[in-house]
Amino acid sequence: NGLLLALDDGNVSLLALLDLSTAF
Protein backbone atom coordinates (compact mmCIF):
# COMPACT_ATOMS: atom_id res chain seq x y z
CA ASN A 1 0.00 0.00 0.00
CA GLY A 2 2.81 2.42 0.86
CA LEU A 3 4.66 1.65 -2.37
CA LEU A 4 1.55 2.08 -4.52
CA LEU A 5 0.68 5.40 -2.87
CA ALA A 6 4.21 6.60 -3.61
CA LEU A 7 3.85 5.57 -7.27
CA ASP A 8 0.52 7.41 -7.48
CA ASP A 9 2.28 10.56 -6.28
CA GLY A 10 4.95 10.20 -8.99
CA ASN A 11 7.65 9.20 -6.50
CA VAL A 12 10.19 6.41 -6.56
CA SER A 13 10.80 4.20 -3.52
CA LEU A 14 13.82 2.43 -2.12
CA LEU A 15 12.84 -0.87 -0.51
CA ALA A 16 15.34 -2.66 1.74
CA LEU A 17 14.70 -6.09 3.25
CA LEU A 18 16.84 -6.77 6.34
CA ASP A 19 17.53 -10.22 7.72
CA LEU A 20 18.93 -11.09 11.14
CA SER A 21 21.50 -13.81 11.68
CA THR A 22 20.51 -16.41 14.33
CA ALA A 23 18.35 -13.74 15.93
CA PHE A 24 16.49 -15.96 18.41
PDBML (XML) file of the C-alpha atoms, coordinates in Angstrom:
<?xml version="1.0" encoding="UTF-8" ?>
<PDBx:datablock datablockName="MODEL"
   xmlns:PDBx="http://pdbml.pdb.org/schema/pdbx-v50.xsd"
   xmlns:xsi="http://www.w3.org/2001/XMLSchema-instance"
   xsi:schemaLocation="http://pdbml.pdb.org/schema/pdbx-v50.xsd pdbx-v50.xsd">
   <PDBx:atom_siteCategory>
      <PDBx:atom_site id="1">
         <PDBx:B_iso_or_equiv>0.00</PDBx:B_iso_or_equiv>
         <PDBx:Cartn_x>0.000</PDBx:Cartn_x>
         <PDBx:Cartn_y>0.000</PDBx:Cartn_y>
         <PDBx:Cartn_z>0.000</PDBx:Cartn_z>
         <PDBx:auth_asym_id>A</PDBx:auth_asym_id>
         <PDBx:auth_atom_id>CA</PDBx:auth_atom_id>
         <PDBx:auth_comp_id>ASN</PDBx:auth_comp_id>
         <PDBx:auth_seq_id>1</PDBx:auth_seq_id>
         <PDBx:group_PDB>ATOM</PDBx:group_PDB>
         <PDBx:label_alt_id xsi:nil="true" />
         <PDBx:label_asym_id>A</PDBx:label_asym_id>
         <PDBx:label_atom_id>CA</PDBx:label_atom_id>
         <PDBx:label_comp_id>ASN</PDBx:label_comp_id>
         <PDBx:label_entity_id>1</PDBx:label_entity_id>
         <PDBx:label_seq_id>1</PDBx:label_seq_id>
         <PDBx:occupancy>1.00</PDBx:occupancy>
         <PDBx:pdbx_PDB_model_num>1</PDBx:pdbx_PDB_model_num>
         <PDBx:type_symbol>C</PDBx:type_symbol>
      </PDBx:atom_site>
      <PDBx:atom_site id="2">
         <PDBx:B_iso_or_equiv>0.00</PDBx:B_iso_or_equiv>
         <PDBx:Cartn_x>2.814</PDBx:Cartn_x>
         <PDBx:Cartn_y>2.422</PDBx:Cartn_y>
         <PDBx:Cartn_z>0.864</PDBx:Cartn_z>
         <PDBx:auth_asym_id>A</PDBx:auth_asym_id>
         <PDBx:auth_atom_id>CA</PDBx:auth_atom_id>
         <PDBx:auth_comp_id>GLY</PDBx:auth_comp_id>
         <PDBx:auth_seq_id>2</PDBx:auth_seq_id>
         <PDBx:group_PDB>ATOM</PDBx:group_PDB>
         <PDBx:label_alt_id xsi:nil="true" />
         <PDBx:label_asym_id>A</PDBx:label_asym_id>
         <PDBx:label_atom_id>CA</PDBx:label_atom_id>
         <PDBx:label_comp_id>GLY</PDBx:label_comp_id>
         <PDBx:label_entity_id>1</PDBx:label_entity_id>
         <PDBx:label_seq_id>2</PDBx:label_seq_id>
         <PDBx:occupancy>1.00</PDBx:occupancy>
         <PDBx:pdbx_PDB_model_num>1</PDBx:pdbx_PDB_model_num>
         <PDBx:type_symbol>C</PDBx:type_symbol>
      </PDBx:atom_site>
      <PDBx:atom_site id="3">
         <PDBx:B_iso_or_equiv>0.00</PDBx:B_iso_or_equiv>
         <PDBx:Cartn_x>4.663</PDBx:Cartn_x>
         <PDBx:Cartn_y>1.649</PDBx:Cartn_y>
         <PDBx:Cartn_z>-2.366</PDBx:Cartn_z>
         <PDBx:auth_asym_id>A</PDBx:auth_asym_id>
         <PDBx:auth_atom_id>CA</PDBx:auth_atom_id>
         <PDBx:auth_comp_id>LEU</PDBx:auth_comp_id>
         <PDBx:auth_seq_id>3</PDBx:auth_seq_id>
         <PDBx:group_PDB>ATOM</PDBx:group_PDB>
         <PDBx:label_alt_id xsi:nil="true" />
         <PDBx:label_asym_id>A</PDBx:label_asym_id>
         <PDBx:label_atom_id>CA</PDBx:label_atom_id>
         <PDBx:label_comp_id>LEU</PDBx:label_comp_id>
         <PDBx:label_entity_id>1</PDBx:label_entity_id>
         <PDBx:label_seq_id>3</PDBx:label_seq_id>
         <PDBx:occupancy>1.00</PDBx:occupancy>
         <PDBx:pdbx_PDB_model_num>1</PDBx:pdbx_PDB_model_num>
         <PDBx:type_symbol>C</PDBx:type_symbol>
      </PDBx:atom_site>
      <PDBx:atom_site id="4">
         <PDBx:B_iso_or_equiv>0.00</PDBx:B_iso_or_equiv>
         <PDBx:Cartn_x>1.553</PDBx:Cartn_x>
         <PDBx:Cartn_y>2.076</PDBx:Cartn_y>
         <PDBx:Cartn_z>-4.517</PDBx:Cartn_z>
         <PDBx:auth_asym_id>A</PDBx:auth_asym_id>
         <PDBx:auth_atom_id>CA</PDBx:auth_atom_id>
         <PDBx:auth_comp_id>LEU</PDBx:auth_comp_id>
         <PDBx:auth_seq_id>4</PDBx:auth_seq_id>
         <PDBx:group_PDB>ATOM</PDBx:group_PDB>
         <PDBx:label_alt_id xsi:nil="true" />
         <PDBx:label_asym_id>A</PDBx:label_asym_id>
         <PDBx:label_atom_id>CA</PDBx:label_atom_id>
         <PDBx:label_comp_id>LEU</PDBx:label_comp_id>
         <PDBx:label_entity_id>1</PDBx:label_entity_id>
         <PDBx:label_seq_id>4</PDBx:label_seq_id>
         <PDBx:occupancy>1.00</PDBx:occupancy>
         <PDBx:pdbx_PDB_model_num>1</PDBx:pdbx_PDB_model_num>
         <PDBx:type_symbol>C</PDBx:type_symbol>
      </PDBx:atom_site>
      <PDBx:atom_site id="5">
         <PDBx:B_iso_or_equiv>0.00</PDBx:B_iso_or_equiv>
         <PDBx:Cartn_x>0.677</PDBx:Cartn_x>
         <PDBx:Cartn_y>5.401</PDBx:Cartn_y>
         <PDBx:Cartn_z>-2.865</PDBx:Cartn_z>
         <PDBx:auth_asym_id>A</PDBx:auth_asym_id>
         <PDBx:auth_atom_id>CA</PDBx:auth_atom_id>
         <PDBx:auth_comp_id>LEU</PDBx:auth_comp_id>
         <PDBx:auth_seq_id>5</PDBx:auth_seq_id>
         <PDBx:group_PDB>ATOM</PDBx:group_PDB>
         <PDBx:label_alt_id xsi:nil="true" />
         <PDBx:label_asym_id>A</PDBx:label_asym_id>
         <PDBx:label_atom_id>CA</PDBx:label_atom_id>
         <PDBx:label_comp_id>LEU</PDBx:label_comp_id>
         <PDBx:label_entity_id>1</PDBx:label_entity_id>
         <PDBx:label_seq_id>5</PDBx:label_seq_id>
         <PDBx:occupancy>1.00</PDBx:occupancy>
         <PDBx:pdbx_PDB_model_num>1</PDBx:pdbx_PDB_model_num>
         <PDBx:type_symbol>C</PDBx:type_symbol>
      </PDBx:atom_site>
      <PDBx:atom_site id="6">
         <PDBx:B_iso_or_equiv>0.00</PDBx:B_iso_or_equiv>
         <PDBx:Cartn_x>4.210</PDBx:Cartn_x>
         <PDBx:Cartn_y>6.600</PDBx:Cartn_y>
         <PDBx:Cartn_z>-3.606</PDBx:Cartn_z>
         <PDBx:auth_asym_id>A</PDBx:auth_asym_id>
         <PDBx:auth_atom_id>CA</PDBx:auth_atom_id>
         <PDBx:auth_comp_id>ALA</PDBx:auth_comp_id>
         <PDBx:auth_seq_id>6</PDBx:auth_seq_id>
         <PDBx:group_PDB>ATOM</PDBx:group_PDB>
         <PDBx:label_alt_id xsi:nil="true" />
         <PDBx:label_asym_id>A</PDBx:label_asym_id>
         <PDBx:label_atom_id>CA</PDBx:label_atom_id>
         <PDBx:label_comp_id>ALA</PDBx:label_comp_id>
         <PDBx:label_entity_id>1</PDBx:label_entity_id>
         <PDBx:label_seq_id>6</PDBx:label_seq_id>
         <PDBx:occupancy>1.00</PDBx:occupancy>
         <PDBx:pdbx_PDB_model_num>1</PDBx:pdbx_PDB_model_num>
         <PDBx:type_symbol>C</PDBx:type_symbol>
      </PDBx:atom_site>
      <PDBx:atom_site id="7">
         <PDBx:B_iso_or_equiv>0.00</PDBx:B_iso_or_equiv>
         <PDBx:Cartn_x>3.846</PDBx:Cartn_x>
         <PDBx:Cartn_y>5.566</PDBx:Cartn_y>
         <PDBx:Cartn_z>-7.268</PDBx:Cartn_z>
         <PDBx:auth_asym_id>A</PDBx:auth_asym_id>
         <PDBx:auth_atom_id>CA</PDBx:auth_atom_id>
         <PDBx:auth_comp_id>LEU</PDBx:auth_comp_id>
         <PDBx:auth_seq_id>7</PDBx:auth_seq_id>
         <PDBx:group_PDB>ATOM</PDBx:group_PDB>
         <PDBx:label_alt_id xsi:nil="true" />
         <PDBx:label_asym_id>A</PDBx:label_asym_id>
         <PDBx:label_atom_id>CA</PDBx:label_atom_id>
         <PDBx:label_comp_id>LEU</PDBx:label_comp_id>
         <PDBx:label_entity_id>1</PDBx:label_entity_id>
         <PDBx:label_seq_id>7</PDBx:label_seq_id>
         <PDBx:occupancy>1.00</PDBx:occupancy>
         <PDBx:pdbx_PDB_model_num>1</PDBx:pdbx_PDB_model_num>
         <PDBx:type_symbol>C</PDBx:type_symbol>
      </PDBx:atom_site>
      <PDBx:atom_site id="8">
         <PDBx:B_iso_or_equiv>0.00</PDBx:B_iso_or_equiv>
         <PDBx:Cartn_x>0.516</PDBx:Cartn_x>
         <PDBx:Cartn_y>7.405</PDBx:Cartn_y>
         <PDBx:Cartn_z>-7.483</PDBx:Cartn_z>
         <PDBx:auth_asym_id>A</PDBx:auth_asym_id>
         <PDBx:auth_atom_id>CA</PDBx:auth_atom_id>
         <PDBx:auth_comp_id>ASP</PDBx:auth_comp_id>
         <PDBx:auth_seq_id>8</PDBx:auth_seq_id>
         <PDBx:group_PDB>ATOM</PDBx:group_PDB>
         <PDBx:label_alt_id xsi:nil="true" />
         <PDBx:label_asym_id>A</PDBx:label_asym_id>
         <PDBx:label_atom_id>CA</PDBx:label_atom_id>
         <PDBx:label_comp_id>ASP</PDBx:label_comp_id>
         <PDBx:label_entity_id>1</PDBx:label_entity_id>
         <PDBx:label_seq_id>8</PDBx:label_seq_id>
         <PDBx:occupancy>1.00</PDBx:occupancy>
         <PDBx:pdbx_PDB_model_num>1</PDBx:pdbx_PDB_model_num>
         <PDBx:type_symbol>C</PDBx:type_symbol>
      </PDBx:atom_site>
      <PDBx:atom_site id="9">
         <PDBx:B_iso_or_equiv>0.00</PDBx:B_iso_or_equiv>
         <PDBx:Cartn_x>2.280</PDBx:Cartn_x>
         <PDBx:Cartn_y>10.561</PDBx:Cartn_y>
         <PDBx:Cartn_z>-6.278</PDBx:Cartn_z>
         <PDBx:auth_asym_id>A</PDBx:auth_asym_id>
         <PDBx:auth_atom_id>CA</PDBx:auth_atom_id>
         <PDBx:auth_comp_id>ASP</PDBx:auth_comp_id>
         <PDBx:auth_seq_id>9</PDBx:auth_seq_id>
         <PDBx:group_PDB>ATOM</PDBx:group_PDB>
         <PDBx:label_alt_id xsi:nil="true" />
         <PDBx:label_asym_id>A</PDBx:label_asym_id>
         <PDBx:label_atom_id>CA</PDBx:label_atom_id>
         <PDBx:label_comp_id>ASP</PDBx:label_comp_id>
         <PDBx:label_entity_id>1</PDBx:label_entity_id>
         <PDBx:label_seq_id>9</PDBx:label_seq_id>
         <PDBx:occupancy>1.00</PDBx:occupancy>
         <PDBx:pdbx_PDB_model_num>1</PDBx:pdbx_PDB_model_num>
         <PDBx:type_symbol>C</PDBx:type_symbol>
      </PDBx:atom_site>
      <PDBx:atom_site id="10">
         <PDBx:B_iso_or_equiv>0.00</PDBx:B_iso_or_equiv>
         <PDBx:Cartn_x>4.945</PDBx:Cartn_x>
         <PDBx:Cartn_y>10.204</PDBx:Cartn_y>
         <PDBx:Cartn_z>-8.990</PDBx:Cartn_z>
         <PDBx:auth_asym_id>A</PDBx:auth_asym_id>
         <PDBx:auth_atom_id>CA</PDBx:auth_atom_id>
         <PDBx:auth_comp_id>GLY</PDBx:auth_comp_id>
         <PDBx:auth_seq_id>10</PDBx:auth_seq_id>
         <PDBx:group_PDB>ATOM</PDBx:group_PDB>
         <PDBx:label_alt_id xsi:nil="true" />
         <PDBx:label_asym_id>A</PDBx:label_asym_id>
         <PDBx:label_atom_id>CA</PDBx:label_atom_id>
         <PDBx:label_comp_id>GLY</PDBx:label_comp_id>
         <PDBx:label_entity_id>1</PDBx:label_entity_id>
         <PDBx:label_seq_id>10</PDBx:label_seq_id>
         <PDBx:occupancy>1.00</PDBx:occupancy>
         <PDBx:pdbx_PDB_model_num>1</PDBx:pdbx_PDB_model_num>
         <PDBx:type_symbol>C</PDBx:type_symbol>
      </PDBx:atom_site>
      <PDBx:atom_site id="11">
         <PDBx:B_iso_or_equiv>0.00</PDBx:B_iso_or_equiv>
         <PDBx:Cartn_x>7.654</PDBx:Cartn_x>
         <PDBx:Cartn_y>9.202</PDBx:Cartn_y>
         <PDBx:Cartn_z>-6.500</PDBx:Cartn_z>
         <PDBx:auth_asym_id>A</PDBx:auth_asym_id>
         <PDBx:auth_atom_id>CA</PDBx:auth_atom_id>
         <PDBx:auth_comp_id>ASN</PDBx:auth_comp_id>
         <PDBx:auth_seq_id>11</PDBx:auth_seq_id>
         <PDBx:group_PDB>ATOM</PDBx:group_PDB>
         <PDBx:label_alt_id xsi:nil="true" />
         <PDBx:label_asym_id>A</PDBx:label_asym_id>
         <PDBx:label_atom_id>CA</PDBx:label_atom_id>
         <PDBx:label_comp_id>ASN</PDBx:label_comp_id>
         <PDBx:label_entity_id>1</PDBx:label_entity_id>
         <PDBx:label_seq_id>11</PDBx:label_seq_id>
         <PDBx:occupancy>1.00</PDBx:occupancy>
         <PDBx:pdbx_PDB_model_num>1</PDBx:pdbx_PDB_model_num>
         <PDBx:type_symbol>C</PDBx:type_symbol>
      </PDBx:atom_site>
      <PDBx:atom_site id="12">
         <PDBx:B_iso_or_equiv>0.00</PDBx:B_iso_or_equiv>
         <PDBx:Cartn_x>10.188</PDBx:Cartn_x>
         <PDBx:Cartn_y>6.408</PDBx:Cartn_y>
         <PDBx:Cartn_z>-6.559</PDBx:Cartn_z>
         <PDBx:auth_asym_id>A</PDBx:auth_asym_id>
         <PDBx:auth_atom_id>CA</PDBx:auth_atom_id>
         <PDBx:auth_comp_id>VAL</PDBx:auth_comp_id>
         <PDBx:auth_seq_id>12</PDBx:auth_seq_id>
         <PDBx:group_PDB>ATOM</PDBx:group_PDB>
         <PDBx:label_alt_id xsi:nil="true" />
         <PDBx:label_asym_id>A</PDBx:label_asym_id>
         <PDBx:label_atom_id>CA</PDBx:label_atom_id>
         <PDBx:label_comp_id>VAL</PDBx:label_comp_id>
         <PDBx:label_entity_id>1</PDBx:label_entity_id>
         <PDBx:label_seq_id>12</PDBx:label_seq_id>
         <PDBx:occupancy>1.00</PDBx:occupancy>
         <PDBx:pdbx_PDB_model_num>1</PDBx:pdbx_PDB_model_num>
         <PDBx:type_symbol>C</PDBx:type_symbol>
      </PDBx:atom_site>
      <PDBx:atom_site id="13">
         <PDBx:B_iso_or_equiv>0.00</PDBx:B_iso_or_equiv>
         <PDBx:Cartn_x>10.801</PDBx:Cartn_x>
         <PDBx:Cartn_y>4.199</PDBx:Cartn_y>
         <PDBx:Cartn_z>-3.517</PDBx:Cartn_z>
         <PDBx:auth_asym_id>A</PDBx:auth_asym_id>
         <PDBx:auth_atom_id>CA</PDBx:auth_atom_id>
         <PDBx:auth_comp_id>SER</PDBx:auth_comp_id>
         <PDBx:auth_seq_id>13</PDBx:auth_seq_id>
         <PDBx:group_PDB>ATOM</PDBx:group_PDB>
         <PDBx:label_alt_id xsi:nil="true" />
         <PDBx:label_asym_id>A</PDBx:label_asym_id>
         <PDBx:label_atom_id>CA</PDBx:label_atom_id>
         <PDBx:label_comp_id>SER</PDBx:label_comp_id>
         <PDBx:label_entity_id>1</PDBx:label_entity_id>
         <PDBx:label_seq_id>13</PDBx:label_seq_id>
         <PDBx:occupancy>1.00</PDBx:occupancy>
         <PDBx:pdbx_PDB_model_num>1</PDBx:pdbx_PDB_model_num>
         <PDBx:type_symbol>C</PDBx:type_symbol>
      </PDBx:atom_site>
      <PDBx:atom_site id="14">
         <PDBx:B_iso_or_equiv>0.00</PDBx:B_iso_or_equiv>
         <PDBx:Cartn_x>13.824</PDBx:Cartn_x>
         <PDBx:Cartn_y>2.429</PDBx:Cartn_y>
         <PDBx:Cartn_z>-2.125</PDBx:Cartn_z>
         <PDBx:auth_asym_id>A</PDBx:auth_asym_id>
         <PDBx:auth_atom_id>CA</PDBx:auth_atom_id>
         <PDBx:auth_comp_id>LEU</PDBx:auth_comp_id>
         <PDBx:auth_seq_id>14</PDBx:auth_seq_id>
         <PDBx:group_PDB>ATOM</PDBx:group_PDB>
         <PDBx:label_alt_id xsi:nil="true" />
         <PDBx:label_asym_id>A</PDBx:label_asym_id>
         <PDBx:label_atom_id>CA</PDBx:label_atom_id>
         <PDBx:label_comp_id>LEU</PDBx:label_comp_id>
         <PDBx:label_entity_id>1</PDBx:label_entity_id>
         <PDBx:label_seq_id>14</PDBx:label_seq_id>
         <PDBx:occupancy>1.00</PDBx:occupancy>
         <PDBx:pdbx_PDB_model_num>1</PDBx:pdbx_PDB_model_num>
         <PDBx:type_symbol>C</PDBx:type_symbol>
      </PDBx:atom_site>
      <PDBx:atom_site id="15">
         <PDBx:B_iso_or_equiv>0.00</PDBx:B_iso_or_equiv>
         <PDBx:Cartn_x>12.839</PDBx:Cartn_x>
         <PDBx:Cartn_y>-0.865</PDBx:Cartn_y>
         <PDBx:Cartn_z>-0.506</PDBx:Cartn_z>
         <PDBx:auth_asym_id>A</PDBx:auth_asym_id>
         <PDBx:auth_atom_id>CA</PDBx:auth_atom_id>
         <PDBx:auth_comp_id>LEU</PDBx:auth_comp_id>
         <PDBx:auth_seq_id>15</PDBx:auth_seq_id>
         <PDBx:group_PDB>ATOM</PDBx:group_PDB>
         <PDBx:label_alt_id xsi:nil="true" />
         <PDBx:label_asym_id>A</PDBx:label_asym_id>
         <PDBx:label_atom_id>CA</PDBx:label_atom_id>
         <PDBx:label_comp_id>LEU</PDBx:label_comp_id>
         <PDBx:label_entity_id>1</PDBx:label_entity_id>
         <PDBx:label_seq_id>15</PDBx:label_seq_id>
         <PDBx:occupancy>1.00</PDBx:occupancy>
         <PDBx:pdbx_PDB_model_num>1</PDBx:pdbx_PDB_model_num>
         <PDBx:type_symbol>C</PDBx:type_symbol>
      </PDBx:atom_site>
      <PDBx:atom_site id="16">
         <PDBx:B_iso_or_equiv>0.00</PDBx:B_iso_or_equiv>
         <PDBx:Cartn_x>15.339</PDBx:Cartn_x>
         <PDBx:Cartn_y>-2.661</PDBx:Cartn_y>
         <PDBx:Cartn_z>1.741</PDBx:Cartn_z>
         <PDBx:auth_asym_id>A</PDBx:auth_asym_id>
         <PDBx:auth_atom_id>CA</PDBx:auth_atom_id>
         <PDBx:auth_comp_id>ALA</PDBx:auth_comp_id>
         <PDBx:auth_seq_id>16</PDBx:auth_seq_id>
         <PDBx:group_PDB>ATOM</PDBx:group_PDB>
         <PDBx:label_alt_id xsi:nil="true" />
         <PDBx:label_asym_id>A</PDBx:label_asym_id>
         <PDBx:label_atom_id>CA</PDBx:label_atom_id>
         <PDBx:label_comp_id>ALA</PDBx:label_comp_id>
         <PDBx:label_entity_id>1</PDBx:label_entity_id>
         <PDBx:label_seq_id>16</PDBx:label_seq_id>
         <PDBx:occupancy>1.00</PDBx:occupancy>
         <PDBx:pdbx_PDB_model_num>1</PDBx:pdbx_PDB_model_num>
         <PDBx:type_symbol>C</PDBx:type_symbol>
      </PDBx:atom_site>
      <PDBx:atom_site id="17">
         <PDBx:B_iso_or_equiv>0.00</PDBx:B_iso_or_equiv>
         <PDBx:Cartn_x>14.701</PDBx:Cartn_x>
         <PDBx:Cartn_y>-6.095</PDBx:Cartn_y>
         <PDBx:Cartn_z>3.254</PDBx:Cartn_z>
         <PDBx:auth_asym_id>A</PDBx:auth_asym_id>
         <PDBx:auth_atom_id>CA</PDBx:auth_atom_id>
         <PDBx:auth_comp_id>LEU</PDBx:auth_comp_id>
         <PDBx:auth_seq_id>17</PDBx:auth_seq_id>
         <PDBx:group_PDB>ATOM</PDBx:group_PDB>
         <PDBx:label_alt_id xsi:nil="true" />
         <PDBx:label_asym_id>A</PDBx:label_asym_id>
         <PDBx:label_atom_id>CA</PDBx:label_atom_id>
         <PDBx:label_comp_id>LEU</PDBx:label_comp_id>
         <PDBx:label_entity_id>1</PDBx:label_entity_id>
         <PDBx:label_seq_id>17</PDBx:label_seq_id>
         <PDBx:occupancy>1.00</PDBx:occupancy>
         <PDBx:pdbx_PDB_model_num>1</PDBx:pdbx_PDB_model_num>
         <PDBx:type_symbol>C</PDBx:type_symbol>
      </PDBx:atom_site>
      <PDBx:atom_site id="18">
         <PDBx:B_iso_or_equiv>0.00</PDBx:B_iso_or_equiv>
         <PDBx:Cartn_x>16.835</PDBx:Cartn_x>
         <PDBx:Cartn_y>-6.773</PDBx:Cartn_y>
         <PDBx:Cartn_z>6.337</PDBx:Cartn_z>
         <PDBx:auth_asym_id>A</PDBx:auth_asym_id>
         <PDBx:auth_atom_id>CA</PDBx:auth_atom_id>
         <PDBx:auth_comp_id>LEU</PDBx:auth_comp_id>
         <PDBx:auth_seq_id>18</PDBx:auth_seq_id>
         <PDBx:group_PDB>ATOM</PDBx:group_PDB>
         <PDBx:label_alt_id xsi:nil="true" />
         <PDBx:label_asym_id>A</PDBx:label_asym_id>
         <PDBx:label_atom_id>CA</PDBx:label_atom_id>
         <PDBx:label_comp_id>LEU</PDBx:label_comp_id>
         <PDBx:label_entity_id>1</PDBx:label_entity_id>
         <PDBx:label_seq_id>18</PDBx:label_seq_id>
         <PDBx:occupancy>1.00</PDBx:occupancy>
         <PDBx:pdbx_PDB_model_num>1</PDBx:pdbx_PDB_model_num>
         <PDBx:type_symbol>C</PDBx:type_symbol>
      </PDBx:atom_site>
      <PDBx:atom_site id="19">
         <PDBx:B_iso_or_equiv>0.00</PDBx:B_iso_or_equiv>
         <PDBx:Cartn_x>17.528</PDBx:Cartn_x>
         <PDBx:Cartn_y>-10.215</PDBx:Cartn_y>
         <PDBx:Cartn_z>7.720</PDBx:Cartn_z>
         <PDBx:auth_asym_id>A</PDBx:auth_asym_id>
         <PDBx:auth_atom_id>CA</PDBx:auth_atom_id>
         <PDBx:auth_comp_id>ASP</PDBx:auth_comp_id>
         <PDBx:auth_seq_id>19</PDBx:auth_seq_id>
         <PDBx:group_PDB>ATOM</PDBx:group_PDB>
         <PDBx:label_alt_id xsi:nil="true" />
         <PDBx:label_asym_id>A</PDBx:label_asym_id>
         <PDBx:label_atom_id>CA</PDBx:label_atom_id>
         <PDBx:label_comp_id>ASP</PDBx:label_comp_id>
         <PDBx:label_entity_id>1</PDBx:label_entity_id>
         <PDBx:label_seq_id>19</PDBx:label_seq_id>
         <PDBx:occupancy>1.00</PDBx:occupancy>
         <PDBx:pdbx_PDB_model_num>1</PDBx:pdbx_PDB_model_num>
         <PDBx:type_symbol>C</PDBx:type_symbol>
      </PDBx:atom_site>
      <PDBx:atom_site id="20">
         <PDBx:B_iso_or_equiv>0.00</PDBx:B_iso_or_equiv>
         <PDBx:Cartn_x>18.926</PDBx:Cartn_x>
         <PDBx:Cartn_y>-11.088</PDBx:Cartn_y>
         <PDBx:Cartn_z>11.144</PDBx:Cartn_z>
         <PDBx:auth_asym_id>A</PDBx:auth_asym_id>
         <PDBx:auth_atom_id>CA</PDBx:auth_atom_id>
         <PDBx:auth_comp_id>LEU</PDBx:auth_comp_id>
         <PDBx:auth_seq_id>20</PDBx:auth_seq_id>
         <PDBx:group_PDB>ATOM</PDBx:group_PDB>
         <PDBx:label_alt_id xsi:nil="true" />
         <PDBx:label_asym_id>A</PDBx:label_asym_id>
         <PDBx:label_atom_id>CA</PDBx:label_atom_id>
         <PDBx:label_comp_id>LEU</PDBx:label_comp_id>
         <PDBx:label_entity_id>1</PDBx:label_entity_id>
         <PDBx:label_seq_id>20</PDBx:label_seq_id>
         <PDBx:occupancy>1.00</PDBx:occupancy>
         <PDBx:pdbx_PDB_model_num>1</PDBx:pdbx_PDB_model_num>
         <PDBx:type_symbol>C</PDBx:type_symbol>
      </PDBx:atom_site>
      <PDBx:atom_site id="21">
         <PDBx:B_iso_or_equiv>0.00</PDBx:B_iso_or_equiv>
         <PDBx:Cartn_x>21.503</PDBx:Cartn_x>
         <PDBx:Cartn_y>-13.810</PDBx:Cartn_y>
         <PDBx:Cartn_z>11.682</PDBx:Cartn_z>
         <PDBx:auth_asym_id>A</PDBx:auth_asym_id>
         <PDBx:auth_atom_id>CA</PDBx:auth_atom_id>
         <PDBx:auth_comp_id>SER</PDBx:auth_comp_id>
         <PDBx:auth_seq_id>21</PDBx:auth_seq_id>
         <PDBx:group_PDB>ATOM</PDBx:group_PDB>
         <PDBx:label_alt_id xsi:nil="true" />
         <PDBx:label_asym_id>A</PDBx:label_asym_id>
         <PDBx:label_atom_id>CA</PDBx:label_atom_id>
         <PDBx:label_comp_id>SER</PDBx:label_comp_id>
         <PDBx:label_entity_id>1</PDBx:label_entity_id>
         <PDBx:label_seq_id>21</PDBx:label_seq_id>
         <PDBx:occupancy>1.00</PDBx:occupancy>
         <PDBx:pdbx_PDB_model_num>1</PDBx:pdbx_PDB_model_num>
         <PDBx:type_symbol>C</PDBx:type_symbol>
      </PDBx:atom_site>
      <PDBx:atom_site id="22">
         <PDBx:B_iso_or_equiv>0.00</PDBx:B_iso_or_equiv>
         <PDBx:Cartn_x>20.513</PDBx:Cartn_x>
         <PDBx:Cartn_y>-16.411</PDBx:Cartn_y>
         <PDBx:Cartn_z>14.332</PDBx:Cartn_z>
         <PDBx:auth_asym_id>A</PDBx:auth_asym_id>
         <PDBx:auth_atom_id>CA</PDBx:auth_atom_id>
         <PDBx:auth_comp_id>THR</PDBx:auth_comp_id>
         <PDBx:auth_seq_id>22</PDBx:auth_seq_id>
         <PDBx:group_PDB>ATOM</PDBx:group_PDB>
         <PDBx:label_alt_id xsi:nil="true" />
         <PDBx:label_asym_id>A</PDBx:label_asym_id>
         <PDBx:label_atom_id>CA</PDBx:label_atom_id>
         <PDBx:label_comp_id>THR</PDBx:label_comp_id>
         <PDBx:label_entity_id>1</PDBx:label_entity_id>
         <PDBx:label_seq_id>22</PDBx:label_seq_id>
         <PDBx:occupancy>1.00</PDBx:occupancy>
         <PDBx:pdbx_PDB_model_num>1</PDBx:pdbx_PDB_model_num>
         <PDBx:type_symbol>C</PDBx:type_symbol>
      </PDBx:atom_site>
      <PDBx:atom_site id="23">
         <PDBx:B_iso_or_equiv>0.00</PDBx:B_iso_or_equiv>
         <PDBx:Cartn_x>18.346</PDBx:Cartn_x>
         <PDBx:Cartn_y>-13.740</PDBx:Cartn_y>
         <PDBx:Cartn_z>15.931</PDBx:Cartn_z>
         <PDBx:auth_asym_id>A</PDBx:auth_asym_id>
         <PDBx:auth_atom_id>CA</PDBx:auth_atom_id>
         <PDBx:auth_comp_id>ALA</PDBx:auth_comp_id>
         <PDBx:auth_seq_id>23</PDBx:auth_seq_id>
         <PDBx:group_PDB>ATOM</PDBx:group_PDB>
         <PDBx:label_alt_id xsi:nil="true" />
         <PDBx:label_asym_id>A</PDBx:label_asym_id>
         <PDBx:label_atom_id>CA</PDBx:label_atom_id>
         <PDBx:label_comp_id>ALA</PDBx:label_comp_id>
         <PDBx:label_entity_id>1</PDBx:label_entity_id>
         <PDBx:label_seq_id>23</PDBx:label_seq_id>
         <PDBx:occupancy>1.00</PDBx:occupancy>
         <PDBx:pdbx_PDB_model_num>1</PDBx:pdbx_PDB_model_num>
         <PDBx:type_symbol>C</PDBx:type_symbol>
      </PDBx:atom_site>
      <PDBx:atom_site id="24">
         <PDBx:B_iso_or_equiv>0.00</PDBx:B_iso_or_equiv>
         <PDBx:Cartn_x>16.493</PDBx:Cartn_x>
         <PDBx:Cartn_y>-15.961</PDBx:Cartn_y>
         <PDBx:Cartn_z>18.406</PDBx:Cartn_z>
         <PDBx:auth_asym_id>A</PDBx:auth_asym_id>
         <PDBx:auth_atom_id>CA</PDBx:auth_atom_id>
         <PDBx:auth_comp_id>PHE</PDBx:auth_comp_id>
         <PDBx:auth_seq_id>24</PDBx:auth_seq_id>
         <PDBx:group_PDB>ATOM</PDBx:group_PDB>
         <PDBx:label_alt_id xsi:nil="true" />
         <PDBx:label_asym_id>A</PDBx:label_asym_id>
         <PDBx:label_atom_id>CA</PDBx:label_atom_id>
         <PDBx:label_comp_id>PHE</PDBx:label_comp_id>
         <PDBx:label_entity_id>1</PDBx:label_entity_id>
         <PDBx:label_seq_id>24</PDBx:label_seq_id>
         <PDBx:occupancy>1.00</PDBx:occupancy>
         <PDBx:pdbx_PDB_model_num>1</PDBx:pdbx_PDB_model_num>
         <PDBx:type_symbol>C</PDBx:type_symbol>
      </PDBx:atom_site>
   </PDBx:atom_siteCategory>
</PDBx:datablock>
